[in-house]
């Protein structure tokens, strides 16, 4: 057992969504290489989960603001 991390892990370049169970506060981040693959994942999870599109991350910086999918 080691020491816990002191800073957050760096994110890989790509498009991110956050998938949560309905009513939960936190979820998991899912990364896809391109926008089309990300939108396919949104359609897959949309019926049973809450989805937040986090946007594109490049060099550990967000290029667009997050938006919730209804």
N, C-alpha and C. Protein backbone atom coordinates (compact mmCIF):
# COMPACT_ATOMS: atom_id res chain seq x y z
N UNK A 1 0.84 -1.17 0.00
CA UNK A 1 0.00 0.00 0.00
C UNK A 1 0.89 1.24 0.00
N UNK A 2 0.64 2.13 -0.96
CA UNK A 2 1.47 3.32 -1.08
C UNK A 2 0.74 4.58 -0.63
N UNK A 3 1.43 5.66 -0.84
CA UNK A 3 0.83 6.95 -0.50
C UNK A 3 -0.23 7.33 -1.52
N UNK A 4 -1.27 8.04 -1.09
CA UNK A 4 -2.27 8.49 -2.06
C UNK A 4 -1.72 9.61 -2.94
N UNK A 5 -2.30 9.76 -4.12
CA UNK A 5 -1.86 10.81 -5.04
C UNK A 5 -2.16 12.18 -4.46
N UNK A 6 -1.27 13.14 -4.72
CA UNK A 6 -1.47 14.49 -4.20
C UNK A 6 -2.03 15.43 -5.24
N UNK A 7 -2.01 15.03 -6.50
CA UNK A 7 -2.59 15.87 -7.55
C UNK A 7 -3.37 14.98 -8.51
N UNK A 8 -4.34 15.56 -9.20
CA UNK A 8 -5.15 14.74 -10.10
C UNK A 8 -4.35 14.23 -11.29
N UNK A 9 -4.77 13.08 -11.81
CA UNK A 9 -4.10 12.49 -12.97
C UNK A 9 -4.35 13.36 -14.20
N UNK A 10 -3.39 13.36 -15.14
CA UNK A 10 -3.55 14.12 -16.38
C UNK A 10 -4.48 13.34 -17.30
N UNK A 11 -5.30 14.08 -18.03
CA UNK A 11 -6.24 13.47 -18.96
C UNK A 11 -5.61 13.34 -20.34
N UNK A 12 -5.93 12.26 -21.04
CA UNK A 12 -5.46 12.08 -22.41
C UNK A 12 -6.25 13.00 -23.34
N UNK A 13 -5.68 13.31 -24.49
CA UNK A 13 -6.38 14.11 -25.49
C UNK A 13 -7.55 13.32 -26.04
N UNK A 14 -8.69 13.98 -26.20
CA UNK A 14 -9.87 13.33 -26.75
C UNK A 14 -11.14 14.02 -26.30
N UNK A 15 -12.25 13.38 -26.56
CA UNK A 15 -13.57 13.91 -26.22
C UNK A 15 -14.12 13.12 -25.04
N UNK A 16 -14.65 13.83 -24.04
CA UNK A 16 -15.07 13.21 -22.79
C UNK A 16 -16.56 13.42 -22.53
N UNK A 17 -17.19 12.38 -21.96
CA UNK A 17 -18.53 12.49 -21.40
C UNK A 17 -18.47 11.94 -19.99
N UNK A 18 -19.40 12.39 -19.16
CA UNK A 18 -19.53 11.84 -17.81
C UNK A 18 -20.86 11.12 -17.74
N UNK A 19 -20.84 9.87 -17.31
CA UNK A 19 -22.03 9.02 -17.23
C UNK A 19 -22.34 8.78 -15.76
N UNK A 20 -23.60 9.09 -15.37
CA UNK A 20 -24.02 8.92 -13.98
C UNK A 20 -25.32 8.14 -13.94
N UNK A 21 -25.55 7.42 -12.85
CA UNK A 21 -26.86 6.84 -12.61
C UNK A 21 -27.81 7.99 -12.30
N UNK A 22 -29.08 7.84 -12.63
CA UNK A 22 -30.04 8.92 -12.39
C UNK A 22 -30.10 9.22 -10.90
N UNK A 23 -29.90 10.49 -10.54
CA UNK A 23 -29.95 10.91 -9.15
C UNK A 23 -28.61 10.91 -8.42
N UNK A 24 -27.58 10.34 -8.99
CA UNK A 24 -26.27 10.32 -8.34
C UNK A 24 -25.55 11.65 -8.54
N UNK A 25 -24.60 11.92 -7.64
CA UNK A 25 -23.83 13.15 -7.73
C UNK A 25 -22.60 13.00 -8.63
N UNK A 26 -21.96 11.87 -8.57
CA UNK A 26 -20.74 11.68 -9.35
C UNK A 26 -20.89 10.50 -10.28
N UNK A 27 -20.07 10.49 -11.32
CA UNK A 27 -20.13 9.41 -12.29
C UNK A 27 -18.73 9.07 -12.78
N UNK A 28 -18.66 8.43 -13.93
CA UNK A 28 -17.37 8.09 -14.51
C UNK A 28 -17.18 8.85 -15.81
N UNK A 29 -15.94 9.16 -16.12
CA UNK A 29 -15.60 9.84 -17.36
C UNK A 29 -15.27 8.80 -18.42
N UNK A 30 -15.83 8.97 -19.60
CA UNK A 30 -15.55 8.09 -20.73
C UNK A 30 -14.93 8.93 -21.83
N UNK A 31 -13.80 8.44 -22.38
CA UNK A 31 -13.07 9.17 -23.43
C UNK A 31 -13.24 8.46 -24.76
N UNK A 32 -13.43 9.26 -25.80
CA UNK A 32 -13.46 8.75 -27.17
C UNK A 32 -12.50 9.59 -28.00
N UNK A 33 -11.97 9.00 -29.07
CA UNK A 33 -10.97 9.68 -29.89
C UNK A 33 -11.53 10.79 -30.76
N UNK A 34 -12.79 10.66 -31.21
CA UNK A 34 -13.34 11.70 -32.07
C UNK A 34 -14.77 12.02 -31.65
N UNK A 35 -15.29 13.12 -32.18
CA UNK A 35 -16.61 13.61 -31.80
C UNK A 35 -17.71 12.61 -32.19
N UNK A 36 -17.61 11.99 -33.35
CA UNK A 36 -18.64 11.04 -33.79
C UNK A 36 -18.74 9.85 -32.84
N UNK A 37 -17.61 9.32 -32.39
CA UNK A 37 -17.62 8.20 -31.45
C UNK A 37 -18.20 8.63 -30.10
N UNK A 38 -17.91 9.87 -29.69
CA UNK A 38 -18.45 10.38 -28.44
C UNK A 38 -19.98 10.49 -28.53
N UNK A 39 -20.49 11.00 -29.65
CA UNK A 39 -21.94 11.14 -29.81
C UNK A 39 -22.63 9.77 -29.89
N UNK A 40 -21.96 8.77 -30.44
CA UNK A 40 -22.49 7.41 -30.44
C UNK A 40 -22.62 6.87 -29.01
N UNK A 41 -21.62 7.16 -28.18
CA UNK A 41 -21.66 6.73 -26.78
C UNK A 41 -22.79 7.45 -26.03
N UNK A 42 -23.01 8.73 -26.34
CA UNK A 42 -24.10 9.47 -25.71
C UNK A 42 -25.44 8.81 -26.05
N UNK A 43 -25.65 8.45 -27.30
CA UNK A 43 -26.89 7.81 -27.70
C UNK A 43 -27.07 6.45 -27.03
N UNK A 44 -25.97 5.74 -26.81
CA UNK A 44 -26.03 4.43 -26.18
C UNK A 44 -26.49 4.52 -24.72
N UNK A 45 -25.97 5.48 -23.97
CA UNK A 45 -26.26 5.60 -22.54
C UNK A 45 -27.44 6.50 -22.22
N UNK A 46 -27.95 7.26 -23.17
CA UNK A 46 -28.92 8.32 -22.94
C UNK A 46 -30.22 7.81 -22.30
N UNK A 47 -30.70 6.63 -22.63
CA UNK A 47 -31.99 6.15 -22.13
C UNK A 47 -31.98 5.85 -20.64
N UNK A 48 -30.86 5.34 -20.10
CA UNK A 48 -30.88 4.85 -18.72
C UNK A 48 -29.97 5.61 -17.78
N UNK A 49 -29.15 6.52 -18.31
CA UNK A 49 -28.19 7.25 -17.48
C UNK A 49 -28.33 8.74 -17.70
N UNK A 50 -27.81 9.54 -16.76
CA UNK A 50 -27.65 10.97 -16.95
C UNK A 50 -26.30 11.20 -17.62
N UNK A 51 -26.28 12.03 -18.66
CA UNK A 51 -25.07 12.27 -19.43
C UNK A 51 -24.70 13.75 -19.36
N UNK A 52 -23.42 14.02 -19.13
CA UNK A 52 -22.88 15.37 -19.23
C UNK A 52 -21.75 15.31 -20.25
N UNK A 53 -21.86 16.11 -21.31
CA UNK A 53 -20.79 16.18 -22.30
C UNK A 53 -19.76 17.18 -21.78
N UNK A 54 -18.59 16.67 -21.42
CA UNK A 54 -17.54 17.52 -20.87
C UNK A 54 -16.80 18.27 -21.96
N UNK A 55 -16.75 17.71 -23.16
CA UNK A 55 -16.13 18.40 -24.29
C UNK A 55 -14.78 17.81 -24.65
N UNK A 56 -14.02 18.61 -25.41
CA UNK A 56 -12.71 18.16 -25.89
C UNK A 56 -11.61 18.63 -24.95
N UNK A 57 -10.70 17.72 -24.66
CA UNK A 57 -9.55 18.02 -23.82
C UNK A 57 -8.29 17.86 -24.66
N UNK A 58 -7.46 18.88 -24.67
CA UNK A 58 -6.21 18.82 -25.41
C UNK A 58 -5.12 19.44 -24.54
N UNK A 59 -4.04 18.72 -24.35
CA UNK A 59 -2.92 19.16 -23.49
C UNK A 59 -3.41 19.51 -22.09
N UNK A 60 -4.33 18.69 -21.56
CA UNK A 60 -4.89 18.83 -20.21
C UNK A 60 -5.68 20.12 -20.02
N UNK A 61 -6.20 20.70 -21.10
CA UNK A 61 -7.05 21.90 -21.04
C UNK A 61 -8.35 21.61 -21.79
N UNK A 62 -9.45 22.12 -21.24
CA UNK A 62 -10.76 21.95 -21.87
C UNK A 62 -10.94 23.03 -22.93
N UNK A 63 -11.33 22.63 -24.14
CA UNK A 63 -11.49 23.57 -25.25
C UNK A 63 -12.91 24.12 -25.37
N UNK A 64 -13.88 23.47 -24.72
CA UNK A 64 -15.26 23.94 -24.77
C UNK A 64 -15.93 23.66 -23.42
N UNK A 65 -16.95 24.43 -23.04
CA UNK A 65 -17.58 24.22 -21.73
C UNK A 65 -18.46 22.96 -21.72
N UNK A 66 -18.69 22.43 -20.52
CA UNK A 66 -19.52 21.23 -20.36
C UNK A 66 -20.99 21.58 -20.54
N UNK A 67 -21.78 20.61 -21.04
CA UNK A 67 -23.21 20.81 -21.14
C UNK A 67 -23.94 19.51 -20.86
N UNK A 68 -25.09 19.63 -20.19
CA UNK A 68 -25.87 18.46 -19.81
C UNK A 68 -26.79 18.07 -20.97
N UNK A 69 -26.89 16.77 -21.22
CA UNK A 69 -27.75 16.24 -22.27
C UNK A 69 -29.10 15.90 -21.65
N UNK A 70 -30.16 16.36 -22.28
CA UNK A 70 -31.52 16.10 -21.76
C UNK A 70 -32.15 14.97 -22.55
